[in-house]
Amino acid sequence: MVLDIVLWIIFGALAGWIASMIMGTNAQQGAFMNIVVGIVGAFIGGFIMRALTGMNVEGFNLTTLLVSILGAVILLAIVRMIRGGTPHHV
């Protein structure tokens, strides 16, 4: 159980970090926000994949990482739309 939580945190951090680089928000987010974005993105991506394909995306593999990144990008795009802004580039 503890190992699963640690894997979720690491996986979430990786997915959130990659998504933040894609969306240009990496400079505004810290490690904690990358983890949160990655984990929430995994839920969003999993929901979308299940709705579109009927398949559950489970485990820690390349497919779930890609689905998590997709969900995290969607989450960051929604947040950007709500805030009404574009990323600030340094």
C-alpha atoms as a PDB file:
ATOM      1  CA  MET A   1       0.000   0.000   0.000  1.00  0.00           C
ATOM      2  CA  VAL A   2       2.759   2.474   0.884  1.00  0.00           C
ATOM      3  CA  LEU A   3       4.618   1.551  -2.293  1.00  0.00           C
ATOM      4  CA  ASP A   4       1.481   2.256  -4.350  1.00  0.00           C
ATOM      5  CA  ILE A   5       1.189   5.726  -2.811  1.00  0.00           C
ATOM      6  CA  VAL A   6       4.859   6.443  -3.501  1.00  0.00           C
ATOM      7  CA  LEU A   7       4.426   5.269  -7.108  1.00  0.00           C
ATOM      8  CA  TRP A   8       1.356   7.523  -7.530  1.00  0.00           C
ATOM      9  CA  ILE A   9       3.361  10.493  -6.273  1.00  0.00           C
ATOM     10  CA  ILE A  10       6.327   9.779  -8.552  1.00  0.00           C
ATOM     11  CA  PHE A  11       4.077   9.036 -11.529  1.00  0.00           C
ATOM     12  CA  GLY A  12       1.996  12.156 -10.847  1.00  0.00           C
ATOM     13  CA  ALA A  13       5.101  14.308 -10.554  1.00  0.00           C
ATOM     14  CA  LEU A  14       6.433  13.038 -13.879  1.00  0.00           C
ATOM     15  CA  ALA A  15       3.126  13.430 -15.726  1.00  0.00           C
ATOM     16  CA  GLY A  16       2.483  16.860 -14.191  1.00  0.00           C
ATOM     17  CA  TRP A  17       5.991  18.062 -14.980  1.00  0.00           C
ATOM     18  CA  ILE A  18       5.791  16.949 -18.617  1.00  0.00           C
ATOM     19  CA  ALA A  19       2.327  18.487 -18.999  1.00  0.00           C
ATOM     20  CA  SER A  20       3.495  21.768 -17.450  1.00  0.00           C
ATOM     21  CA  MET A  21       6.401  21.883 -19.907  1.00  0.00           C
ATOM     22  CA  ILE A  22       4.000  21.246 -22.805  1.00  0.00           C
ATOM     23  CA  MET A  23       1.649  23.994 -21.599  1.00  0.00           C
ATOM     24  CA  GLY A  24       4.421  26.440 -20.692  1.00  0.00           C
ATOM     25  CA  THR A  25       3.475  26.634 -17.006  1.00  0.00           C
ATOM     26  CA  ASN A  26       6.541  24.927 -15.573  1.00  0.00           C
ATOM     27  CA  ALA A  27       8.030  28.201 -14.300  1.00  0.00           C
ATOM     28  CA  GLN A  28       4.877  28.972 -12.281  1.00  0.00           C
ATOM     29  CA  GLN A  29       4.446  25.507 -10.757  1.00  0.00           C
ATOM     30  CA  GLY A  30       6.485  23.882  -8.060  1.00  0.00           C
ATOM     31  CA  ALA A  31       7.016  20.194  -7.472  1.00  0.00           C
ATOM     32  CA  PHE A  32       3.904  19.885  -5.293  1.00  0.00           C
ATOM     33  CA  MET A  33       1.654  21.393  -7.984  1.00  0.00           C
ATOM     34  CA  ASN A  34       3.209  19.117 -10.619  1.00  0.00           C
ATOM     35  CA  ILE A  35       2.276  16.127  -8.454  1.00  0.00           C
ATOM     36  CA  VAL A  36      -1.280  17.383  -7.951  1.00  0.00           C
ATOM     37  CA  VAL A  37      -1.719  18.205 -11.651  1.00  0.00           C
ATOM     38  CA  GLY A  38      -0.334  14.796 -12.634  1.00  0.00           C
ATOM     39  CA  ILE A  39      -2.570  12.827 -10.274  1.00  0.00           C
ATOM     40  CA  VAL A  40      -5.710  14.805 -11.138  1.00  0.00           C
ATOM     41  CA  GLY A  41      -4.713  14.551 -14.795  1.00  0.00           C
ATOM     42  CA  ALA A  42      -4.535  10.769 -14.462  1.00  0.00           C
ATOM     43  CA  PHE A  43      -8.147  10.721 -13.280  1.00  0.00           C
ATOM     44  CA  ILE A  44      -9.249  13.067 -16.086  1.00  0.00           C
ATOM     45  CA  GLY A  45      -7.335  11.114 -18.727  1.00  0.00           C
ATOM     46  CA  GLY A  46      -8.646   7.796 -17.410  1.00  0.00           C
ATOM     47  CA  PHE A  47     -12.215   9.081 -17.458  1.00  0.00           C
ATOM     48  CA  ILE A  48     -11.844  10.331 -21.042  1.00  0.00           C
ATOM     49  CA  MET A  49     -10.238   7.081 -22.244  1.00  0.00           C
ATOM     50  CA  ARG A  50     -12.963   5.021 -20.582  1.00  0.00           C
ATOM     51  CA  ALA A  51     -15.660   7.227 -22.128  1.00  0.00           C
ATOM     52  CA  LEU A  52     -14.130   7.093 -25.623  1.00  0.00           C
ATOM     53  CA  THR A  53     -12.876   3.511 -25.782  1.00  0.00           C
ATOM     54  CA  GLY A  54     -14.618   1.667 -22.948  1.00  0.00           C
ATOM     55  CA  MET A  55     -11.203   0.478 -21.745  1.00  0.00           C
ATOM     56  CA  ASN A  56      -9.851   0.981 -18.248  1.00  0.00           C
ATOM     57  CA  VAL A  57      -6.309   2.312 -18.149  1.00  0.00           C
ATOM     58  CA  GLU A  58      -4.590   0.751 -15.158  1.00  0.00           C
ATOM     59  CA  GLY A  59      -1.143   0.108 -13.780  1.00  0.00           C
ATOM     60  CA  PHE A  60       2.111   1.972 -14.119  1.00  0.00           C
ATOM     61  CA  ASN A  61       3.217   1.750 -17.736  1.00  0.00           C
ATOM     62  CA  LEU A  62       3.776   3.929 -20.815  1.00  0.00           C
ATOM     63  CA  THR A  63       0.083   3.946 -21.758  1.00  0.00           C
ATOM     64  CA  THR A  64      -1.009   5.203 -18.362  1.00  0.00           C
ATOM     65  CA  LEU A  65       1.757   7.809 -18.389  1.00  0.00           C
ATOM     66  CA  LEU A  66       0.584   9.123 -21.761  1.00  0.00           C
ATOM     67  CA  VAL A  67      -3.052   9.142 -20.617  1.00  0.00           C
ATOM     68  CA  SER A  68      -2.013  10.962 -17.435  1.00  0.00           C
ATOM     69  CA  ILE A  69      -0.077  13.564 -19.420  1.00  0.00           C
ATOM     70  CA  LEU A  70      -3.069  14.071 -21.729  1.00  0.00           C
ATOM     71  CA  GLY A  71      -5.383  14.556 -18.753  1.00  0.00           C
ATOM     72  CA  ALA A  72      -2.915  16.944 -17.092  1.00  0.00           C
ATOM     73  CA  VAL A  73      -2.632  19.014 -20.287  1.00  0.00           C
ATOM     74  CA  ILE A  74      -6.426  19.210 -20.431  1.00  0.00           C
ATOM     75  CA  LEU A  75      -6.522  20.261 -16.766  1.00  0.00           C
ATOM     76  CA  LEU A  76      -3.927  22.991 -17.324  1.00  0.00           C
ATOM     77  CA  ALA A  77      -5.810  24.218 -20.417  1.00  0.00           C
ATOM     78  CA  ILE A  78      -9.036  24.454 -18.390  1.00  0.00           C
ATOM     79  CA  VAL A  79      -7.249  26.347 -15.615  1.00  0.00           C
ATOM     80  CA  ARG A  80      -5.769  28.710 -18.206  1.00  0.00           C
ATOM     81  CA  MET A  81      -9.217  29.334 -19.735  1.00  0.00           C
ATOM     82  CA  ILE A  82     -10.720  30.046 -16.307  1.00  0.00           C
ATOM     83  CA  ARG A  83      -7.928  32.435 -15.408  1.00  0.00           C
ATOM     84  CA  GLY A  84      -8.207  34.028 -18.847  1.00  0.00           C
ATOM     85  CA  GLY A  85      -4.517  34.285 -19.470  1.00  0.00           C
ATOM     86  CA  THR A  86      -1.579  32.979 -21.340  1.00  0.00           C
ATOM     87  CA  PRO A  87       1.591  31.608 -19.800  1.00  0.00           C
ATOM     88  CA  HIS A  88       4.280  34.056 -18.725  1.00  0.00           C
ATOM     89  CA  HIS A  89       7.560  33.131 -20.314  1.00  0.00           C
ATOM     90  CA  VAL A  90      10.743  33.956 -18.460  1.00  0.00           C
END
